[in-house]
Every structure is written in structure tokens, then in C-alpha cells.
Amino acid sequence: MTLNLKKPEGVALARELIAHCDVVVENFGPGVMSGLGLGYAELAEVKSDIVMFSMPAAGLYGPLSNLRTYGLSLASITGMDSLTGYDDGPPSRWRTPSPILSTASWARSRFSSR
């Protein structure tokens, strides 16, 4: 499913879906969800006990927080590419957006017991 969050109908549908959820996971840059009207304060109005897990590429705060990137380039920035490959060869870049997938998996396991 995809929602066009740039349209009021998309935001309204997102709010309807969130009313039935326990957790919202997002990886937009800092401030994007609030700008869409879907920040934590707005979502807590929809569902008071909602848990929001924000995981922008370079964090919510700090010197790189405004960096816009995706999983594959994030692997290079963090040095993950240097951990792959064969002992006698050069580093091998990641083929899938593993940083994003592994972070989402960690978030699921962290909150699944609650």
C-alpha cells in the first residue's frame, strides 16, 4: 500500500490507519512527519498510547541530522561496506538496504514484548 502524504486525503487515511495501530515506524528526515501533520503530538491525538519510532538516516540530532540518504549510501557512510568482501579483495558494497531493514527488525523485536 502506498499513501500520497502530500495530499490531504493521504494524511487523513494515514490517521485512520494509525488509530488501529500500536506503533508507527518512520524514517523520514527530522521534522518531515510534523510538517505533514503526522508528528507525535498529532498522532497522540489520534491514539493516546501510540508509540512512534523515528529512525532518520543520520539521527534526529547532531551534525549530520539534516543529511538525506538511503540504505545503500548509508552503508558506505557508516563504514559497513568495509566489513564485507573477501580477505584478499576489496570491500564489497551492500546489495540491499540492510541498515534500514535491520533497524526496522530491531525496532519490532524491541517493542514486541510490550
Protein backbone atom coordinates (compact mmCIF):
# COMPACT_ATOMS: atom_id res chain seq x y z
CA MET A 1 0.00 0.00 0.00
CA THR A 2 1.22 3.49 -0.70
CA LEU A 3 -0.19 6.77 0.52
CA ASN A 4 0.43 10.15 -1.02
CA LEU A 5 1.08 12.13 2.14
CA LYS A 6 1.31 15.35 0.15
CA LYS A 7 -2.44 15.21 -0.33
CA PRO A 8 -4.95 15.80 2.48
CA GLU A 9 -6.73 12.53 1.63
CA GLY A 10 -3.47 10.60 2.13
CA VAL A 11 -2.85 12.19 5.52
CA ALA A 12 -6.46 11.52 6.54
CA LEU A 13 -6.14 7.86 5.55
CA ALA A 14 -2.84 7.59 7.44
CA ARG A 15 -4.56 8.92 10.56
CA GLU A 16 -7.39 6.39 10.14
CA LEU A 17 -4.88 3.55 9.87
CA ILE A 18 -2.83 4.80 12.82
CA ALA A 19 -5.95 4.81 15.00
CA HIS A 20 -5.78 1.00 14.80
CA CYS A 21 -2.01 0.66 15.33
CA ASP A 22 0.24 0.30 18.37
CA VAL A 23 3.46 1.53 16.76
CA VAL A 24 4.36 3.94 13.95
CA VAL A 25 7.80 3.48 12.40
CA GLU A 26 9.12 6.17 10.07
CA ASN A 27 12.48 7.04 8.56
CA PHE A 28 11.92 10.47 7.09
CA GLY A 29 14.34 13.27 7.90
CA PRO A 30 13.82 15.25 11.11
CA GLY A 31 10.67 17.37 11.01
CA VAL A 32 9.12 15.78 7.93
CA MET A 33 6.37 13.93 9.80
CA SER A 34 5.47 17.05 11.79
CA GLY A 35 5.39 19.03 8.56
CA LEU A 36 2.90 16.52 7.18
CA GLY A 37 0.71 16.86 10.26
CA LEU A 38 1.76 13.39 11.41
CA GLY A 39 4.20 14.24 14.19
CA TYR A 40 4.00 12.54 17.58
CA ALA A 41 1.77 15.27 19.08
CA GLU A 42 -0.72 14.92 16.23
CA LEU A 43 -0.66 11.13 16.32
CA ALA A 44 -1.18 11.08 20.10
CA GLU A 45 -4.42 12.98 19.45
CA VAL A 46 -5.49 10.14 17.16
CA LYS A 47 -4.36 7.39 19.57
CA SER A 48 -3.16 8.43 23.00
CA ASP A 49 -0.95 5.38 23.64
CA ILE A 50 0.78 5.32 20.22
CA VAL A 51 4.49 4.53 20.18
CA MET A 52 6.41 6.40 17.48
CA PHE A 53 9.78 5.09 16.38
CA SER A 54 11.66 7.64 14.26
CA MET A 55 14.80 6.45 12.53
CA PRO A 56 16.16 9.07 10.14
CA ALA A 57 19.37 8.06 8.40
CA ALA A 58 21.72 10.23 10.45
CA GLY A 59 19.65 10.65 13.60
CA LEU A 60 17.28 13.29 14.91
CA TYR A 61 20.01 15.48 16.40
CA GLY A 62 23.67 16.18 15.78
CA PRO A 63 25.86 17.49 12.98
CA LEU A 64 24.58 15.09 10.29
CA SER A 65 20.89 15.16 11.23
CA ASN A 66 19.95 17.04 8.04
CA LEU A 67 21.77 14.53 5.83
CA ARG A 68 19.37 12.90 3.37
CA THR A 69 20.38 9.40 2.37
CA TYR A 70 19.09 5.89 1.74
CA GLY A 71 20.17 2.45 2.93
CA LEU A 72 22.83 1.76 0.33
CA SER A 73 24.62 5.09 0.69
CA LEU A 74 24.16 4.92 4.45
CA ALA A 75 26.10 1.65 4.47
CA SER A 76 29.05 3.44 2.89
CA ILE A 77 28.85 6.46 5.18
CA THR A 78 28.83 4.28 8.31
CA GLY A 79 31.67 2.05 7.15
CA MET A 80 29.54 -1.07 6.81
CA ASP A 81 30.91 -1.62 3.29
CA SER A 82 34.40 -2.05 4.72
CA LEU A 83 33.16 -5.03 6.75
CA THR A 84 32.12 -7.02 3.69
CA GLY A 85 34.02 -8.81 0.96
CA TYR A 86 36.81 -11.40 0.98
CA ASP A 87 40.05 -11.22 2.99
CA ASP A 88 42.19 -10.91 -0.15
CA GLY A 89 39.91 -8.48 -2.00
CA PRO A 90 38.45 -5.00 -1.83
CA PRO A 91 35.36 -4.13 0.21
CA SER A 92 32.11 -5.24 -1.35
CA ARG A 93 29.17 -2.88 -1.26
CA TRP A 94 25.81 -3.92 0.17
CA ARG A 95 23.24 -5.01 -2.39
CA THR A 96 20.16 -4.40 -0.25
CA PRO A 97 19.20 -1.60 2.13
CA SER A 98 20.27 -3.69 5.11
CA PRO A 99 20.75 -0.80 7.55
CA ILE A 100 17.09 0.14 7.14
CA LEU A 101 15.87 -3.45 7.24
CA SER A 102 17.93 -4.36 10.30
CA THR A 103 16.86 -1.22 12.16
CA ALA A 104 13.20 -1.93 11.48
CA SER A 105 13.71 -5.52 12.66
CA TRP A 106 15.39 -4.30 15.84
CA ALA A 107 12.51 -1.91 16.48
CA ARG A 108 9.98 -4.71 16.04
CA SER A 109 11.82 -7.00 18.44
CA ARG A 110 12.36 -4.22 20.96
CA PHE A 111 8.66 -3.40 21.23
CA SER A 112 7.10 -6.82 20.54
CA SER A 113 7.32 -7.78 24.22
CA ARG A 114 5.37 -4.74 25.39
